[in-house]
């Protein structure tokens, strides 16, 4: 998914199992010179936003987004571009 220059990679297991819920892990990606950089989105912040904007259900210590896939994709594209979703990406994964 691409929004402006923001790219979001949706990582999901390739194994399909009818008795397992597909888990998606959104990761922001960008290039820096010749290097590919990545930053996992802040799950606490996303959980808070999802609770306000989408139907969700508690699952033990996690929150399951129960909205249709298209709605969840629109949600992630919108909030994934927000700097609060991942902190300062320029400071992530750089040698000190």
PDB file of N, CA and C in Angstrom:
ATOM      1  N   UNK A   1       0.856  -1.156   0.000  1.00  0.00           N
ATOM      2  CA  UNK A   1       0.000   0.000   0.000  1.00  0.00           C
ATOM      3  C   UNK A   1       0.909   1.227   0.000  1.00  0.00           C
ATOM      4  N   UNK A   2       0.613   2.198  -0.851  1.00  0.00           N
ATOM      5  CA  UNK A   2       1.423   3.411  -0.955  1.00  0.00           C
ATOM      6  C   UNK A   2       0.523   4.626  -0.795  1.00  0.00           C
ATOM      7  N   UNK A   3       0.885   5.516   0.100  1.00  0.00           N
ATOM      8  CA  UNK A   3       0.178   6.778   0.300  1.00  0.00           C
ATOM      9  C   UNK A   3       1.229   7.869   0.218  1.00  0.00           C
ATOM     10  N   UNK A   4       1.146   8.705  -0.825  1.00  0.00           N
ATOM     11  CA  UNK A   4       2.185   9.696  -1.100  1.00  0.00           C
ATOM     12  C   UNK A   4       3.520   8.972  -1.167  1.00  0.00           C
ATOM     13  N   UNK A   5       4.522   9.356  -0.362  1.00  0.00           N
ATOM     14  CA  UNK A   5       5.804   8.651  -0.381  1.00  0.00           C
ATOM     15  C   UNK A   5       5.888   7.613   0.739  1.00  0.00           C
ATOM     16  N   UNK A   6       4.818   7.446   1.447  1.00  0.00           N
ATOM     17  CA  UNK A   6       4.725   6.505   2.552  1.00  0.00           C
ATOM     18  C   UNK A   6       4.369   5.124   2.003  1.00  0.00           C
ATOM     19  N   UNK A   7       5.136   4.095   2.385  1.00  0.00           N
ATOM     20  CA  UNK A   7       4.872   2.736   1.939  1.00  0.00           C
ATOM     21  C   UNK A   7       4.636   1.855   3.162  1.00  0.00           C
ATOM     22  N   UNK A   8       3.587   1.075   3.094  1.00  0.00           N
ATOM     23  CA  UNK A   8       3.230   0.196   4.191  1.00  0.00           C
ATOM     24  C   UNK A   8       3.228  -1.234   3.678  1.00  0.00           C
ATOM     25  N   UNK A   9       4.039  -2.065   4.288  1.00  0.00           N
ATOM     26  CA  UNK A   9       4.109  -3.479   3.948  1.00  0.00           C
ATOM     27  C   UNK A   9       3.205  -4.243   4.901  1.00  0.00           C
ATOM     28  N   UNK A  10       2.325  -5.068   4.360  1.00  0.00           N
ATOM     29  CA  UNK A  10       1.411  -5.868   5.163  1.00  0.00           C
ATOM     30  C   UNK A  10       1.979  -7.285   5.222  1.00  0.00           C
ATOM     31  N   UNK A  11       2.568  -7.642   6.347  1.00  0.00           N
ATOM     32  CA  UNK A  11       3.176  -8.966   6.515  1.00  0.00           C
ATOM     33  C   UNK A  11       2.133  -9.903   7.114  1.00  0.00           C
ATOM     34  N   UNK A  12       1.888 -11.011   6.415  1.00  0.00           N
ATOM     35  CA  UNK A  12       0.913 -12.003   6.870  1.00  0.00           C
ATOM     36  C   UNK A  12       1.461 -13.381   6.528  1.00  0.00           C
ATOM     37  N   UNK A  13       1.132 -14.353   7.341  1.00  0.00           N
ATOM     38  CA  UNK A  13       1.607 -15.714   7.136  1.00  0.00           C
ATOM     39  C   UNK A  13       1.107 -16.265   5.806  1.00  0.00           C
ATOM     40  N   UNK A  14       1.957 -16.997   5.108  1.00  0.00           N
ATOM     41  CA  UNK A  14       1.563 -17.636   3.854  1.00  0.00           C
ATOM     42  C   UNK A  14       0.797 -18.928   4.120  1.00  0.00           C
ATOM     43  N   UNK A  15       0.856 -19.431   5.343  1.00  0.00           N
ATOM     44  CA  UNK A  15       0.142 -20.657   5.695  1.00  0.00           C
ATOM     45  C   UNK A  15      -1.326 -20.340   5.954  1.00  0.00           C
ATOM     46  N   UNK A  16      -2.198 -20.980   5.207  1.00  0.00           N
ATOM     47  CA  UNK A  16      -3.631 -20.794   5.427  1.00  0.00           C
ATOM     48  C   UNK A  16      -4.147 -21.969   6.240  1.00  0.00           C
ATOM     49  N   UNK A  17      -4.862 -21.651   7.295  1.00  0.00           N
ATOM     50  CA  UNK A  17      -5.421 -22.664   8.177  1.00  0.00           C
ATOM     51  C   UNK A  17      -6.827 -22.206   8.554  1.00  0.00           C
ATOM     52  N   UNK A  18      -7.853 -23.026   8.264  1.00  0.00           N
ATOM     53  CA  UNK A  18      -9.215 -22.595   8.560  1.00  0.00           C
ATOM     54  C   UNK A  18      -9.488 -22.427  10.058  1.00  0.00           C
ATOM     55  N   UNK A  19      -8.599 -22.923  10.904  1.00  0.00           N
ATOM     56  CA  UNK A  19      -8.796 -22.827  12.350  1.00  0.00           C
ATOM     57  C   UNK A  19      -7.914 -21.767  12.986  1.00  0.00           C
ATOM     58  N   UNK A  20      -7.364 -20.894  12.164  1.00  0.00           N
ATOM     59  CA  UNK A  20      -6.468 -19.858  12.663  1.00  0.00           C
ATOM     60  C   UNK A  20      -6.869 -18.516  12.071  1.00  0.00           C
ATOM     61  N   UNK A  21      -6.835 -17.481  12.871  1.00  0.00           N
ATOM     62  CA  UNK A  21      -7.130 -16.134  12.407  1.00  0.00           C
ATOM     63  C   UNK A  21      -5.873 -15.575  11.743  1.00  0.00           C
ATOM     64  N   UNK A  22      -6.041 -15.045  10.539  1.00  0.00           N
ATOM     65  CA  UNK A  22      -4.898 -14.444   9.838  1.00  0.00           C
ATOM     66  C   UNK A  22      -4.455 -13.199  10.598  1.00  0.00           C
ATOM     67  N   UNK A  23      -3.177 -13.107  10.900  1.00  0.00           N
ATOM     68  CA  UNK A  23      -2.624 -11.974  11.631  1.00  0.00           C
ATOM     69  C   UNK A  23      -1.805 -11.137  10.661  1.00  0.00           C
ATOM     70  N   UNK A  24      -2.106  -9.845  10.639  1.00  0.00           N
ATOM     71  CA  UNK A  24      -1.398  -8.920   9.767  1.00  0.00           C
ATOM     72  C   UNK A  24      -0.472  -8.056  10.616  1.00  0.00           C
ATOM     73  N   UNK A  25       0.744  -7.840  10.124  1.00  0.00           N
ATOM     74  CA  UNK A  25       1.697  -6.982  10.807  1.00  0.00           C
ATOM     75  C   UNK A  25       2.081  -5.845   9.861  1.00  0.00           C
ATOM     76  N   UNK A  26       1.600  -4.629  10.123  1.00  0.00           N
ATOM     77  CA  UNK A  26       1.956  -3.506   9.249  1.00  0.00           C
ATOM     78  C   UNK A  26       3.355  -2.996   9.574  1.00  0.00           C
ATOM     79  N   UNK A  27       4.155  -2.785   8.522  1.00  0.00           N
ATOM     80  CA  UNK A  27       5.534  -2.314   8.668  1.00  0.00           C
ATOM     81  C   UNK A  27       5.746  -1.168   7.686  1.00  0.00           C
ATOM     82  N   UNK A  28       6.232  -0.051   8.180  1.00  0.00           N
ATOM     83  CA  UNK A  28       6.566   1.069   7.288  1.00  0.00           C
ATOM     84  C   UNK A  28       7.920   0.782   6.669  1.00  0.00           C
ATOM     85  N   UNK A  29       8.035   0.987   5.352  1.00  0.00           N
ATOM     86  CA  UNK A  29       9.311   0.785   4.670  1.00  0.00           C
ATOM     87  C   UNK A  29       9.659   2.029   3.859  1.00  0.00           C
ATOM     88  N   UNK A  30      10.955   2.267   3.694  1.00  0.00           N
ATOM     89  CA  UNK A  30      11.439   3.368   2.877  1.00  0.00           C
ATOM     90  C   UNK A  30      12.876   3.069   2.499  1.00  0.00           C
ATOM     91  N   UNK A  31      13.376   3.764   1.484  1.00  0.00           N
ATOM     92  CA  UNK A  31      14.769   3.598   1.093  1.00  0.00           C
ATOM     93  C   UNK A  31      15.572   4.774   1.611  1.00  0.00           C
ATOM     94  N   UNK A  32      16.825   4.492   1.901  1.00  0.00           N
ATOM     95  CA  UNK A  32      17.754   5.509   2.387  1.00  0.00           C
ATOM     96  C   UNK A  32      19.063   5.259   1.656  1.00  0.00           C
ATOM     97  N   UNK A  33      19.275   5.994   0.579  1.00  0.00           N
ATOM     98  CA  UNK A  33      20.431   5.709  -0.261  1.00  0.00           C
ATOM     99  C   UNK A  33      20.242   4.336  -0.880  1.00  0.00           C
ATOM    100  N   UNK A  34      21.184   3.441  -0.664  1.00  0.00           N
ATOM    101  CA  UNK A  34      21.090   2.086  -1.194  1.00  0.00           C
ATOM    102  C   UNK A  34      20.518   1.089  -0.206  1.00  0.00           C
ATOM    103  N   UNK A  35      20.018   1.575   0.933  1.00  0.00           N
ATOM    104  CA  UNK A  35      19.528   0.666   1.976  1.00  0.00           C
ATOM    105  C   UNK A  35      18.005   0.711   2.074  1.00  0.00           C
ATOM    106  N   UNK A  36      17.425  -0.431   2.366  1.00  0.00           N
ATOM    107  CA  UNK A  36      16.001  -0.523   2.644  1.00  0.00           C
ATOM    108  C   UNK A  36      15.829  -0.438   4.150  1.00  0.00           C
ATOM    109  N   UNK A  37      15.008   0.488   4.602  1.00  0.00           N
ATOM    110  CA  UNK A  37      14.766   0.685   6.033  1.00  0.00           C
ATOM    111  C   UNK A  37      13.348   0.255   6.366  1.00  0.00           C
ATOM    112  N   UNK A  38      13.133  -0.113   7.620  1.00  0.00           N
ATOM    113  CA  UNK A  38      11.800  -0.510   8.055  1.00  0.00           C
ATOM    114  C   UNK A  38      11.570  -0.099   9.496  1.00  0.00           C
ATOM    115  N   UNK A  39      10.298   0.107   9.838  1.00  0.00           N
ATOM    116  CA  UNK A  39       9.919   0.428  11.205  1.00  0.00           C
ATOM    117  C   UNK A  39       8.562  -0.207  11.472  1.00  0.00           C
ATOM    118  N   UNK A  40       8.502  -1.013  12.532  1.00  0.00           N
ATOM    119  CA  UNK A  40       7.216  -1.576  12.940  1.00  0.00           C
ATOM    120  C   UNK A  40       6.367  -0.446  13.509  1.00  0.00           C
ATOM    121  N   UNK A  41       5.102  -0.482  13.193  1.00  0.00           N
ATOM    122  CA  UNK A  41       4.211   0.541  13.722  1.00  0.00           C
ATOM    123  C   UNK A  41       3.989   0.283  15.210  1.00  0.00           C
ATOM    124  N   UNK A  42       3.773   1.342  15.953  1.00  0.00           N
ATOM    125  CA  UNK A  42       3.593   1.278  17.403  1.00  0.00           C
ATOM    126  C   UNK A  42       2.253   0.608  17.708  1.00  0.00           C
ATOM    127  N   UNK A  43       2.287  -0.623  18.173  1.00  0.00           N
ATOM    128  CA  UNK A  43       1.050  -1.397  18.357  1.00  0.00           C
ATOM    129  C   UNK A  43       0.137  -0.780  19.410  1.00  0.00           C
ATOM    130  N   UNK A  44       0.680  -0.185  20.469  1.00  0.00           N
ATOM    131  CA  UNK A  44      -0.170   0.445  21.488  1.00  0.00           C
ATOM    132  C   UNK A  44      -0.928   1.626  20.894  1.00  0.00           C
ATOM    133  N   UNK A  45      -0.235   2.430  20.105  1.00  0.00           N
ATOM    134  CA  UNK A  45      -0.865   3.597  19.495  1.00  0.00           C
ATOM    135  C   UNK A  45      -1.919   3.159  18.485  1.00  0.00           C
ATOM    136  N   UNK A  46      -1.597   2.160  17.658  1.00  0.00           N
ATOM    137  CA  UNK A  46      -2.555   1.653  16.666  1.00  0.00           C
ATOM    138  C   UNK A  46      -3.770   1.067  17.366  1.00  0.00           C
ATOM    139  N   UNK A  47      -3.549   0.323  18.439  1.00  0.00           N
ATOM    140  CA  UNK A  47      -4.658  -0.271  19.192  1.00  0.00           C
ATOM    141  C   UNK A  47      -5.597   0.818  19.715  1.00  0.00           C
ATOM    142  N   UNK A  48      -5.024   1.890  20.220  1.00  0.00           N
ATOM    143  CA  UNK A  48      -5.830   3.006  20.727  1.00  0.00           C
ATOM    144  C   UNK A  48      -6.653   3.632  19.604  1.00  0.00           C
ATOM    145  N   UNK A  49      -6.017   3.880  18.453  1.00  0.00           N
ATOM    146  CA  UNK A  49      -6.710   4.477  17.315  1.00  0.00           C
ATOM    147  C   UNK A  49      -7.789   3.536  16.776  1.00  0.00           C
ATOM    148  N   UNK A  50      -7.477   2.262  16.675  1.00  0.00           N
ATOM    149  CA  UNK A  50      -8.448   1.289  16.172  1.00  0.00           C
ATOM    150  C   UNK A  50      -9.661   1.231  17.086  1.00  0.00           C
ATOM    151  N   UNK A  51      -9.440   1.281  18.393  1.00  0.00           N
ATOM    152  CA  UNK A  51     -10.540   1.255  19.349  1.00  0.00           C
ATOM    153  C   UNK A  51     -11.486   2.434  19.192  1.00  0.00           C
ATOM    154  N   UNK A  52     -10.951   3.558  18.730  1.00  0.00           N
ATOM    155  CA  UNK A  52     -11.775   4.748  18.516  1.00  0.00           C
ATOM    156  C   UNK A  52     -12.469   4.751  17.163  1.00  0.00           C
ATOM    157  N   UNK A  53     -11.832   4.137  16.149  1.00  0.00           N
ATOM    158  CA  UNK A  53     -12.294   4.313  14.773  1.00  0.00           C
ATOM    159  C   UNK A  53     -12.889   3.074  14.102  1.00  0.00           C
ATOM    160  N   UNK A  54     -12.651   1.896  14.668  1.00  0.00           N
ATOM    161  CA  UNK A  54     -13.099   0.651  14.032  1.00  0.00           C
ATOM    162  C   UNK A  54     -13.754  -0.272  15.047  1.00  0.00           C
ATOM    163  N   UNK A  55     -14.562  -1.212  14.568  1.00  0.00           N
ATOM    164  CA  UNK A  55     -15.055  -2.249  15.479  1.00  0.00           C
ATOM    165  C   UNK A  55     -13.894  -3.164  15.881  1.00  0.00           C
ATOM    166  N   UNK A  56     -13.784  -3.441  17.176  1.00  0.00           N
ATOM    167  CA  UNK A  56     -12.716  -4.298  17.691  1.00  0.00           C
ATOM    168  C   UNK A  56     -13.289  -5.254  18.730  1.00  0.00           C
ATOM    169  N   UNK A  57     -12.507  -6.266  19.058  1.00  0.00           N
ATOM    170  CA  UNK A  57     -12.886  -7.211  20.113  1.00  0.00           C
ATOM    171  C   UNK A  57     -11.633  -7.574  20.900  1.00  0.00           C
ATOM    172  N   UNK A  58     -11.738  -7.645  22.231  1.00  0.00           N
ATOM    173  CA  UNK A  58     -10.571  -8.042  23.030  1.00  0.00           C
ATOM    174  C   UNK A  58     -10.280  -9.530  22.848  1.00  0.00           C
ATOM    175  N   UNK A  59      -9.000  -9.870  22.779  1.00  0.00           N
ATOM    176  CA  UNK A  59      -8.560 -11.258  22.704  1.00  0.00           C
ATOM    177  C   UNK A  59      -7.370 -11.415  23.639  1.00  0.00           C
ATOM    178  N   UNK A  60      -7.636 -11.854  24.859  1.00  0.00           N
ATOM    179  CA  UNK A  60      -6.612 -11.962  25.909  1.00  0.00           C
ATOM    180  C   UNK A  60      -5.934 -10.615  26.067  1.00  0.00           C
ATOM    181  N   UNK A  61      -4.638 -10.517  25.778  1.00  0.00           N
ATOM    182  CA  UNK A  61      -3.914  -9.259  25.971  1.00  0.00           C
ATOM    183  C   UNK A  61      -3.795  -8.456  24.670  1.00  0.00           C
ATOM    184  N   UNK A  62      -4.621  -8.784  23.680  1.00  0.00           N
ATOM    185  CA  UNK A  62      -4.563  -8.108  22.385  1.00  0.00           C
ATOM    186  C   UNK A  62      -5.938  -7.593  21.988  1.00  0.00           C
ATOM    187  N   UNK A  63      -5.960  -6.787  20.945  1.00  0.00           N
ATOM    188  CA  UNK A  63      -7.211  -6.292  20.394  1.00  0.00           C
ATOM    189  C   UNK A  63      -7.309  -6.764  18.950  1.00  0.00           C
ATOM    190  N   UNK A  64      -8.406  -7.394  18.623  1.00  0.00           N
ATOM    191  CA  UNK A  64      -8.651  -7.883  17.270  1.00  0.00           C
ATOM    192  C   UNK A  64      -9.521  -6.870  16.539  1.00  0.00           C
ATOM    193  N   UNK A  65      -9.045  -6.402  15.377  1.00  0.00           N
ATOM    194  CA  UNK A  65      -9.853  -5.521  14.540  1.00  0.00           C
ATOM    195  C   UNK A  65     -10.842  -6.407  13.805  1.00  0.00           C
ATOM    196  N   UNK A  66     -12.134  -6.167  14.020  1.00  0.00           N
ATOM    197  CA  UNK A  66     -13.168  -7.004  13.419  1.00  0.00           C
ATOM    198  C   UNK A  66     -13.811  -6.351  12.200  1.00  0.00           C
ATOM    199  N   UNK A  67     -13.315  -5.212  11.791  1.00  0.00           N
ATOM    200  CA  UNK A  67     -13.832  -4.524  10.613  1.00  0.00           C
ATOM    201  C   UNK A  67     -13.482  -5.320   9.356  1.00  0.00           C
ATOM    202  N   UNK A  68     -14.267  -5.162   8.276  1.00  0.00           N
ATOM    203  CA  UNK A  68     -13.911  -5.817   7.012  1.00  0.00           C
ATOM    204  C   UNK A  68     -12.508  -5.415   6.566  1.00  0.00           C
ATOM    205  N   UNK A  69     -11.842  -6.298   5.823  1.00  0.00           N
ATOM    206  CA  UNK A  69     -10.468  -6.061   5.389  1.00  0.00           C
ATOM    207  C   UNK A  69     -10.247  -4.741   4.694  1.00  0.00           C
ATOM    208  N   UNK A  70     -11.181  -4.348   3.841  1.00  0.00           N
ATOM    209  CA  UNK A  70     -11.034  -3.079   3.123  1.00  0.00           C
ATOM    210  C   UNK A  70     -11.037  -1.901   4.095  1.00  0.00           C
ATOM    211  N   UNK A  71     -11.918  -1.931   5.092  1.00  0.00           N
ATOM    212  CA  UNK A  71     -11.964  -0.860   6.091  1.00  0.00           C
ATOM    213  C   UNK A  71     -10.676  -0.815   6.909  1.00  0.00           C
ATOM    214  N   UNK A  72     -10.152  -1.987   7.266  1.00  0.00           N
ATOM    215  CA  UNK A  72      -8.899  -2.044   8.021  1.00  0.00           C
ATOM    216  C   UNK A  72      -7.748  -1.506   7.177  1.00  0.00           C
ATOM    217  N   UNK A  73      -7.741  -1.801   5.877  1.00  0.00           N
ATOM    218  CA  UNK A  73      -6.701  -1.281   4.990  1.00  0.00           C
ATOM    219  C   UNK A  73      -6.732   0.226   4.878  1.00  0.00           C
ATOM    220  N   UNK A  74      -7.927   0.791   4.753  1.00  0.00           N
ATOM    221  CA  UNK A  74      -8.078   2.251   4.695  1.00  0.00           C
ATOM    222  C   UNK A  74      -7.604   2.867   6.011  1.00  0.00           C
ATOM    223  N   UNK A  75      -7.967   2.246   7.124  1.00  0.00           N
ATOM    224  CA  UNK A  75      -7.547   2.703   8.450  1.00  0.00           C
ATOM    225  C   UNK A  75      -6.018   2.723   8.545  1.00  0.00           C
ATOM    226  N   UNK A  76      -5.371   1.616   8.167  1.00  0.00           N
ATOM    227  CA  UNK A  76      -3.910   1.540   8.268  1.00  0.00           C
ATOM    228  C   UNK A  76      -3.225   2.543   7.354  1.00  0.00           C
ATOM    229  N   UNK A  77      -3.776   2.743   6.156  1.00  0.00           N
ATOM    230  CA  UNK A  77      -3.186   3.731   5.248  1.00  0.00           C
ATOM    231  C   UNK A  77      -3.280   5.124   5.845  1.00  0.00           C
ATOM    232  N   UNK A  78      -4.394   5.407   6.497  1.00  0.00           N
ATOM    233  CA  UNK A  78      -4.589   6.737   7.090  1.00  0.00           C
ATOM    234  C   UNK A  78      -3.681   6.932   8.301  1.00  0.00           C
ATOM    235  N   UNK A  79      -3.736   6.019   9.261  1.00  0.00           N
ATOM    236  CA  UNK A  79      -2.968   6.244  10.487  1.00  0.00           C
ATOM    237  C   UNK A  79      -1.498   5.873  10.326  1.00  0.00           C
ATOM    238  N   UNK A  80      -1.177   4.989   9.388  1.00  0.00           N
ATOM    239  CA  UNK A  80       0.220   4.607   9.184  1.00  0.00           C
ATOM    240  C   UNK A  80       1.082   5.749   8.702  1.00  0.00           C
ATOM    241  N   UNK A  81       0.474   6.715   8.043  1.00  0.00           N
ATOM    242  CA  UNK A  81       1.214   7.880   7.565  1.00  0.00           C
ATOM    243  C   UNK A  81       1.434   8.912   8.661  1.00  0.00           C
ATOM    244  N   UNK A  82       0.753   8.756   9.782  1.00  0.00           N
ATOM    245  CA  UNK A  82       0.889   9.681  10.904  1.00  0.00           C
ATOM    246  C   UNK A  82       2.219   9.425  11.608  1.00  0.00           C
ATOM    247  N   UNK A  83       3.025  10.459  11.836  1.00  0.00           N
ATOM    248  CA  UNK A  83       4.315  10.263  12.511  1.00  0.00           C
ATOM    249  C   UNK A  83       4.197   9.599  13.892  1.00  0.00           C
ATOM    250  N   UNK A  84       3.054   9.753  14.555  1.00  0.00           N
ATOM    251  CA  UNK A  84       2.873   9.121  15.859  1.00  0.00           C
ATOM    252  C   UNK A  84       2.785   7.602  15.763  1.00  0.00           C
ATOM    253  N   UNK A  85       2.507   7.098  14.565  1.00  0.00           N
ATOM    254  CA  UNK A  85       2.332   5.659  14.388  1.00  0.00           C
ATOM    255  C   UNK A  85       3.635   4.888  14.534  1.00  0.00           C
ATOM    256  N   UNK A  86       4.757   5.550  14.344  1.00  0.00           N
ATOM    257  CA  UNK A  86       6.036   4.846  14.358  1.00  0.00           C
ATOM    258  C   UNK A  86       7.171   5.662  14.930  1.00  0.00           C
ATOM    259  N   UNK A  87       6.906   6.787  15.493  1.00  0.00           N
ATOM    260  CA  UNK A  87       7.978   7.638  15.994  1.00  0.00           C
ATOM    261  C   UNK A  87       8.685   8.310  14.831  1.00  0.00           C
ATOM    262  N   UNK A  88       9.916   8.662  15.016  1.00  0.00           N
ATOM    263  CA  UNK A  88      10.702   9.338  13.980  1.00  0.00           C
ATOM    264  C   UNK A  88      11.423   8.283  13.149  1.00  0.00           C
ATOM    265  N   UNK A  89      10.954   7.988  11.919  1.00  0.00           N
ATOM    266  CA  UNK A  89      11.596   6.940  11.140  1.00  0.00           C
ATOM    267  C   UNK A  89      13.024   7.256  10.774  1.00  0.00           C
ATOM    268  N   UNK A  90      13.389   8.545  10.715  1.00  0.00           N
ATOM    269  CA  UNK A  90      14.768   8.882  10.381  1.00  0.00           C
ATOM    270  C   UNK A  90      15.752   8.476  11.472  1.00  0.00           C
ATOM    271  N   UNK A  91      15.251   8.261  12.691  1.00  0.00           N
ATOM    272  CA  UNK A  91      16.145   7.881  13.785  1.00  0.00           C
ATOM    273  C   UNK A  91      16.196   6.374  13.977  1.00  0.00           C
ATOM    274  N   UNK A  92      15.381   5.631  13.220  1.00  0.00           N
ATOM    275  CA  UNK A  92      15.313   4.185  13.390  1.00  0.00           C
ATOM    276  C   UNK A  92      16.317   3.473  12.484  1.00  0.00           C
ATOM    277  N   UNK A  93      16.904   2.446  13.011  1.00  0.00           N
ATOM    278  CA  UNK A  93      17.769   1.541  12.242  1.00  0.00           C
ATOM    279  C   UNK A  93      18.961   2.242  11.618  1.00  0.00           C
ATOM    280  N   UNK A  94      19.456   3.282  12.229  1.00  0.00           N
ATOM    281  CA  UNK A  94      20.661   3.948  11.734  1.00  0.00           C
ATOM    282  C   UNK A  94      21.799   3.651  12.704  1.00  0.00           C
ATOM    283  N   UNK A  95      22.963   3.394  12.181  1.00  0.00           N
ATOM    284  CA  UNK A  95      24.107   3.195  13.099  1.00  0.00           C
ATOM    285  C   UNK A  95      24.386   4.468  13.876  1.00  0.00           C
ATOM    286  N   UNK A  96      24.767   4.319  15.129  1.00  0.00           N
ATOM    287  CA  UNK A  96      25.045   5.476  15.987  1.00  0.00           C
ATOM    288  C   UNK A  96      26.466   5.935  15.804  1.00  0.00           C
TER     289      UNK A  96
END
